[in-house]
N, C-alpha and C. Protein backbone atom coordinates (compact mmCIF):
# COMPACT_ATOMS: atom_id res chain seq x y z
N GLN A 1 10.36 53.55 12.93
CA GLN A 1 11.03 52.26 13.05
C GLN A 1 10.08 51.15 12.62
N VAL A 2 10.62 50.15 11.95
CA VAL A 2 9.87 48.98 11.55
C VAL A 2 10.45 47.79 12.28
N GLN A 3 9.66 47.19 13.15
CA GLN A 3 10.09 46.01 13.89
C GLN A 3 9.28 44.80 13.41
N LEU A 4 9.98 43.73 13.11
CA LEU A 4 9.36 42.54 12.56
C LEU A 4 9.67 41.34 13.44
N VAL A 5 8.66 40.55 13.75
CA VAL A 5 8.83 39.38 14.60
C VAL A 5 8.20 38.17 13.94
N GLU A 6 9.04 37.18 13.61
CA GLU A 6 8.56 35.96 12.96
C GLU A 6 8.16 34.91 13.99
N SER A 7 7.25 34.04 13.58
CA SER A 7 6.85 32.91 14.39
C SER A 7 6.30 31.81 13.48
N GLY A 8 6.11 30.63 14.02
CA GLY A 8 5.50 29.54 13.27
C GLY A 8 6.46 28.49 12.77
N GLY A 9 7.75 28.69 12.96
CA GLY A 9 8.71 27.70 12.52
C GLY A 9 8.64 26.45 13.38
N GLY A 10 9.25 25.38 12.88
CA GLY A 10 9.25 24.13 13.61
C GLY A 10 9.78 22.99 12.78
N LEU A 11 9.54 21.78 13.26
CA LEU A 11 10.00 20.56 12.60
C LEU A 11 8.82 19.85 11.96
N VAL A 12 8.93 19.55 10.68
CA VAL A 12 7.89 18.82 9.96
C VAL A 12 8.54 17.77 9.07
N GLN A 13 7.75 16.78 8.69
CA GLN A 13 8.22 15.77 7.76
C GLN A 13 8.03 16.24 6.33
N ALA A 14 8.82 15.70 5.43
CA ALA A 14 8.69 16.03 4.02
C ALA A 14 7.25 15.82 3.56
N GLY A 15 6.74 16.78 2.80
CA GLY A 15 5.37 16.74 2.34
C GLY A 15 4.40 17.47 3.24
N GLY A 16 4.86 17.85 4.41
CA GLY A 16 4.01 18.55 5.36
C GLY A 16 3.93 20.03 5.09
N SER A 17 3.26 20.73 6.00
CA SER A 17 3.02 22.16 5.84
C SER A 17 3.32 22.93 7.11
N LEU A 18 3.68 24.18 6.94
CA LEU A 18 3.85 25.12 8.03
C LEU A 18 3.33 26.47 7.57
N ARG A 19 2.89 27.26 8.53
CA ARG A 19 2.47 28.63 8.24
C ARG A 19 3.26 29.58 9.13
N LEU A 20 4.09 30.38 8.49
CA LEU A 20 4.87 31.37 9.21
C LEU A 20 4.11 32.68 9.30
N ALA A 21 4.32 33.41 10.37
CA ALA A 21 3.69 34.70 10.55
C ALA A 21 4.75 35.74 10.90
N CYS A 22 4.54 36.94 10.44
CA CYS A 22 5.42 38.07 10.73
C CYS A 22 4.57 39.22 11.24
N GLU A 23 4.71 39.52 12.51
CA GLU A 23 3.99 40.63 13.10
C GLU A 23 4.77 41.92 12.89
N ALA A 24 4.06 42.98 12.52
CA ALA A 24 4.69 44.26 12.21
C ALA A 24 3.88 45.40 12.82
N PRO A 25 4.49 46.57 12.96
CA PRO A 25 3.75 47.72 13.48
C PRO A 25 2.54 48.06 12.60
N GLY A 26 1.60 48.75 13.18
CA GLY A 26 0.40 49.13 12.46
C GLY A 26 0.70 49.82 11.14
N ARG A 27 -0.04 49.44 10.11
CA ARG A 27 0.03 49.98 8.76
C ARG A 27 1.26 49.54 7.98
N THR A 28 2.20 48.89 8.61
CA THR A 28 3.43 48.50 7.92
C THR A 28 3.15 47.62 6.71
N VAL A 29 2.31 46.61 6.88
CA VAL A 29 2.08 45.67 5.80
C VAL A 29 1.28 46.29 4.65
N SER A 30 0.64 47.41 4.88
CA SER A 30 -0.12 48.08 3.83
C SER A 30 0.61 49.28 3.24
N THR A 31 1.70 49.70 3.85
CA THR A 31 2.47 50.83 3.35
C THR A 31 3.88 50.45 2.93
N TYR A 32 4.33 49.27 3.30
CA TYR A 32 5.63 48.75 2.90
C TYR A 32 5.45 47.50 2.06
N ALA A 33 6.41 47.26 1.20
CA ALA A 33 6.50 45.97 0.56
C ALA A 33 7.07 44.99 1.57
N MET A 34 6.49 43.80 1.66
CA MET A 34 6.90 42.81 2.64
C MET A 34 7.44 41.58 1.93
N GLY A 35 8.40 40.94 2.55
CA GLY A 35 8.99 39.77 1.92
C GLY A 35 9.46 38.74 2.92
N TRP A 36 9.79 37.57 2.37
CA TRP A 36 10.38 36.48 3.13
C TRP A 36 11.65 36.03 2.45
N PHE A 37 12.68 35.81 3.25
CA PHE A 37 13.95 35.25 2.80
C PHE A 37 14.26 34.03 3.65
N ARG A 38 15.23 33.25 3.21
CA ARG A 38 15.66 32.11 4.01
C ARG A 38 17.16 31.90 3.84
N GLN A 39 17.77 31.29 4.85
CA GLN A 39 19.19 31.02 4.81
C GLN A 39 19.47 29.69 5.50
N ALA A 40 20.06 28.77 4.75
CA ALA A 40 20.47 27.49 5.29
C ALA A 40 21.96 27.56 5.65
N PRO A 41 22.42 26.71 6.57
CA PRO A 41 23.83 26.73 6.95
C PRO A 41 24.75 26.59 5.74
N GLY A 42 25.72 27.48 5.64
CA GLY A 42 26.67 27.44 4.55
C GLY A 42 26.17 28.05 3.26
N ASN A 43 24.93 28.49 3.23
CA ASN A 43 24.35 29.08 2.02
C ASN A 43 24.16 30.58 2.16
N GLU A 44 23.99 31.23 1.02
CA GLU A 44 23.65 32.64 1.01
C GLU A 44 22.18 32.80 1.36
N ARG A 45 21.86 33.94 1.92
CA ARG A 45 20.46 34.24 2.17
C ARG A 45 19.77 34.45 0.83
N GLU A 46 18.62 33.80 0.63
CA GLU A 46 17.95 33.86 -0.65
C GLU A 46 16.52 34.35 -0.52
N PHE A 47 16.08 35.01 -1.56
CA PHE A 47 14.72 35.51 -1.63
C PHE A 47 13.73 34.37 -1.78
N VAL A 48 12.59 34.48 -1.09
CA VAL A 48 11.55 33.46 -1.16
C VAL A 48 10.27 34.02 -1.77
N ALA A 49 9.75 35.11 -1.20
CA ALA A 49 8.48 35.66 -1.66
C ALA A 49 8.34 37.10 -1.21
N ALA A 50 7.51 37.87 -1.92
CA ALA A 50 7.26 39.25 -1.56
C ALA A 50 5.86 39.65 -1.97
N VAL A 51 5.32 40.66 -1.29
CA VAL A 51 3.98 41.15 -1.59
C VAL A 51 3.91 42.66 -1.40
N ASN A 52 3.18 43.32 -2.30
CA ASN A 52 2.84 44.72 -2.16
C ASN A 52 1.32 44.78 -2.15
N TRP A 53 0.73 45.02 -0.98
CA TRP A 53 -0.71 44.96 -0.84
C TRP A 53 -1.41 46.03 -1.67
N ILE A 54 -0.86 47.24 -1.69
CA ILE A 54 -1.49 48.34 -2.42
C ILE A 54 -1.54 48.05 -3.91
N ARG A 55 -0.46 47.53 -4.45
CA ARG A 55 -0.39 47.26 -5.88
C ARG A 55 -0.98 45.91 -6.25
N GLY A 56 -1.24 45.08 -5.25
CA GLY A 56 -1.76 43.76 -5.53
C GLY A 56 -0.77 42.87 -6.24
N VAL A 57 0.50 43.03 -5.91
CA VAL A 57 1.58 42.32 -6.58
C VAL A 57 2.23 41.32 -5.64
N THR A 58 2.48 40.13 -6.13
CA THR A 58 3.26 39.14 -5.40
C THR A 58 4.36 38.60 -6.30
N GLN A 59 5.41 38.11 -5.69
CA GLN A 59 6.52 37.53 -6.43
C GLN A 59 7.10 36.37 -5.63
N TYR A 60 7.48 35.30 -6.34
CA TYR A 60 8.00 34.12 -5.69
C TYR A 60 9.28 33.65 -6.36
N ALA A 61 10.16 33.08 -5.56
CA ALA A 61 11.31 32.40 -6.12
C ALA A 61 10.83 31.16 -6.88
N ASP A 62 11.54 30.81 -7.94
CA ASP A 62 11.14 29.65 -8.74
C ASP A 62 11.07 28.38 -7.90
N SER A 63 11.92 28.27 -6.91
CA SER A 63 11.99 27.07 -6.10
C SER A 63 10.76 26.83 -5.23
N VAL A 64 9.95 27.87 -5.02
CA VAL A 64 8.79 27.72 -4.14
C VAL A 64 7.46 27.98 -4.85
N LYS A 65 7.49 28.34 -6.11
CA LYS A 65 6.26 28.61 -6.85
C LYS A 65 5.35 27.38 -6.85
N GLY A 66 4.08 27.62 -6.57
CA GLY A 66 3.12 26.54 -6.52
C GLY A 66 3.06 25.84 -5.18
N ARG A 67 4.00 26.11 -4.30
CA ARG A 67 4.03 25.47 -2.98
C ARG A 67 3.84 26.47 -1.84
N PHE A 68 4.41 27.66 -1.99
CA PHE A 68 4.34 28.69 -0.95
C PHE A 68 3.40 29.80 -1.39
N THR A 69 2.72 30.40 -0.41
CA THR A 69 1.83 31.52 -0.68
C THR A 69 2.06 32.60 0.36
N ILE A 70 2.32 33.82 -0.10
CA ILE A 70 2.48 34.95 0.80
C ILE A 70 1.17 35.73 0.83
N SER A 71 0.78 36.18 2.00
CA SER A 71 -0.46 36.93 2.14
C SER A 71 -0.34 37.90 3.31
N THR A 72 -1.27 38.84 3.38
CA THR A 72 -1.27 39.82 4.46
C THR A 72 -2.64 39.90 5.11
N ASP A 73 -2.64 40.23 6.37
CA ASP A 73 -3.85 40.57 7.09
C ASP A 73 -3.58 41.92 7.73
N ASN A 74 -4.00 42.97 7.04
CA ASN A 74 -3.66 44.32 7.49
C ASN A 74 -4.29 44.67 8.83
N ALA A 75 -5.47 44.13 9.09
CA ALA A 75 -6.13 44.39 10.37
C ALA A 75 -5.32 43.83 11.53
N LYS A 76 -4.59 42.74 11.28
CA LYS A 76 -3.78 42.12 12.31
C LYS A 76 -2.31 42.51 12.21
N ASN A 77 -1.99 43.37 11.25
CA ASN A 77 -0.61 43.82 11.05
C ASN A 77 0.33 42.63 10.89
N THR A 78 -0.07 41.69 10.06
CA THR A 78 0.65 40.43 9.95
C THR A 78 0.82 40.01 8.50
N VAL A 79 1.99 39.48 8.19
CA VAL A 79 2.27 38.87 6.90
C VAL A 79 2.48 37.37 7.14
N TYR A 80 1.92 36.56 6.25
CA TYR A 80 2.00 35.11 6.39
C TYR A 80 2.77 34.50 5.23
N LEU A 81 3.36 33.36 5.50
CA LEU A 81 3.94 32.53 4.45
C LEU A 81 3.43 31.12 4.67
N GLN A 82 2.48 30.71 3.85
CA GLN A 82 1.96 29.35 3.90
C GLN A 82 2.87 28.46 3.07
N MET A 83 3.43 27.44 3.68
CA MET A 83 4.38 26.56 3.02
C MET A 83 3.81 25.16 2.97
N ASN A 84 3.55 24.68 1.77
CA ASN A 84 3.01 23.35 1.56
C ASN A 84 4.02 22.48 0.81
N SER A 85 3.80 21.19 0.85
CA SER A 85 4.66 20.23 0.14
C SER A 85 6.13 20.48 0.46
N LEU A 86 6.42 20.61 1.73
CA LEU A 86 7.77 20.95 2.15
C LEU A 86 8.76 19.83 1.85
N ASP A 87 9.94 20.24 1.50
CA ASP A 87 11.03 19.35 1.14
C ASP A 87 12.21 19.63 2.06
N PRO A 88 13.06 18.64 2.32
CA PRO A 88 14.24 18.91 3.16
C PRO A 88 15.08 20.08 2.67
N GLU A 89 15.05 20.35 1.37
CA GLU A 89 15.78 21.49 0.82
C GLU A 89 15.22 22.83 1.30
N ASP A 90 14.02 22.81 1.86
CA ASP A 90 13.43 24.02 2.40
C ASP A 90 13.92 24.34 3.81
N THR A 91 14.68 23.44 4.39
CA THR A 91 15.20 23.66 5.74
C THR A 91 16.09 24.89 5.76
N ALA A 92 15.77 25.82 6.65
CA ALA A 92 16.51 27.08 6.73
C ALA A 92 15.93 27.93 7.85
N VAL A 93 16.63 29.00 8.15
CA VAL A 93 16.05 30.05 8.98
C VAL A 93 15.32 31.00 8.04
N TYR A 94 14.07 31.25 8.33
CA TYR A 94 13.25 32.12 7.49
C TYR A 94 13.13 33.49 8.14
N TYR A 95 13.38 34.52 7.34
CA TYR A 95 13.38 35.90 7.82
C TYR A 95 12.29 36.71 7.14
N CYS A 96 11.60 37.49 7.92
CA CYS A 96 10.66 38.47 7.40
C CYS A 96 11.42 39.75 7.07
N ALA A 97 10.99 40.44 6.04
CA ALA A 97 11.66 41.66 5.61
C ALA A 97 10.66 42.71 5.14
N ALA A 98 11.10 43.96 5.16
CA ALA A 98 10.24 45.06 4.71
C ALA A 98 11.07 46.14 4.04
N ASP A 99 10.46 46.81 3.08
CA ASP A 99 11.11 47.92 2.38
C ASP A 99 10.03 48.77 1.73
N LYS A 100 10.30 50.04 1.58
CA LYS A 100 9.33 50.92 0.93
C LYS A 100 9.20 50.63 -0.55
N SER A 101 10.21 49.99 -1.12
CA SER A 101 10.23 49.66 -2.54
C SER A 101 10.02 48.17 -2.73
N PHE A 102 9.06 47.81 -3.59
CA PHE A 102 8.83 46.41 -3.89
C PHE A 102 10.04 45.79 -4.57
N ALA A 103 10.67 46.53 -5.48
CA ALA A 103 11.85 46.02 -6.15
C ALA A 103 12.97 45.75 -5.16
N ASP A 104 13.16 46.66 -4.21
CA ASP A 104 14.24 46.50 -3.25
C ASP A 104 13.97 45.40 -2.24
N VAL A 105 12.73 45.15 -1.90
CA VAL A 105 12.43 44.15 -0.88
C VAL A 105 12.78 42.75 -1.37
N THR A 106 12.87 42.56 -2.67
CA THR A 106 13.24 41.26 -3.21
C THR A 106 14.74 41.05 -3.27
N ILE A 107 15.50 42.12 -3.06
CA ILE A 107 16.95 42.07 -3.21
C ILE A 107 17.69 42.47 -1.94
N SER A 108 17.40 43.65 -1.44
CA SER A 108 18.11 44.19 -0.28
C SER A 108 17.17 44.99 0.61
N PRO A 109 16.33 44.31 1.36
CA PRO A 109 15.37 45.01 2.23
C PRO A 109 16.05 45.86 3.29
N ASP A 110 15.38 46.93 3.69
CA ASP A 110 15.91 47.82 4.71
C ASP A 110 15.69 47.29 6.12
N TYR A 111 14.66 46.47 6.32
CA TYR A 111 14.30 46.00 7.65
C TYR A 111 14.17 44.49 7.68
N TRP A 112 14.65 43.91 8.79
CA TRP A 112 14.66 42.45 8.95
C TRP A 112 14.13 42.03 10.31
N GLY A 113 13.46 40.88 10.32
CA GLY A 113 13.17 40.22 11.57
C GLY A 113 14.36 39.37 11.98
N ARG A 114 14.26 38.71 13.11
CA ARG A 114 15.37 37.91 13.63
C ARG A 114 15.35 36.46 13.14
N GLY A 115 14.28 36.05 12.51
CA GLY A 115 14.23 34.73 11.90
C GLY A 115 13.53 33.68 12.74
N THR A 116 13.03 32.66 12.05
CA THR A 116 12.43 31.50 12.70
C THR A 116 12.89 30.24 11.96
N GLN A 117 13.27 29.22 12.71
CA GLN A 117 13.84 28.01 12.13
C GLN A 117 12.75 27.10 11.57
N VAL A 118 12.97 26.64 10.35
CA VAL A 118 12.13 25.63 9.72
C VAL A 118 13.01 24.44 9.38
N THR A 119 12.64 23.27 9.90
CA THR A 119 13.39 22.06 9.64
C THR A 119 12.46 21.01 9.04
N VAL A 120 12.82 20.50 7.89
CA VAL A 120 12.02 19.49 7.20
C VAL A 120 12.81 18.19 7.17
N SER A 121 12.29 17.16 7.78
CA SER A 121 12.96 15.87 7.84
C SER A 121 12.57 15.01 6.66
N SER A 122 13.44 14.07 6.33
CA SER A 122 13.18 13.16 5.22
C SER A 122 12.56 11.86 5.68
């Protein structure tokens, strides 16, 4: 079983930063592809970022390139999403995800966390 727990969400002003964390079982972040998705009210859930630690591969949605950074700390069994230069359009519930396939984790991950709310005020 893969259990994912997100934290770090909150309220920030436009231009500010937040760092989300996703805690996972031991070895998960080094044996699974990990990703972040987000969903705003009335919108579809959309891909944000993904990482495969073994392959050294990362991928980002165009909307967050240059602003968000995904990283892992395998010793802490944690995946992070550093979000800088936040915009009100970034307001959403952010979900951590995992899949054995890097390709699949960007589209239809097998495992999901319950989400953490990020609200960016103008």
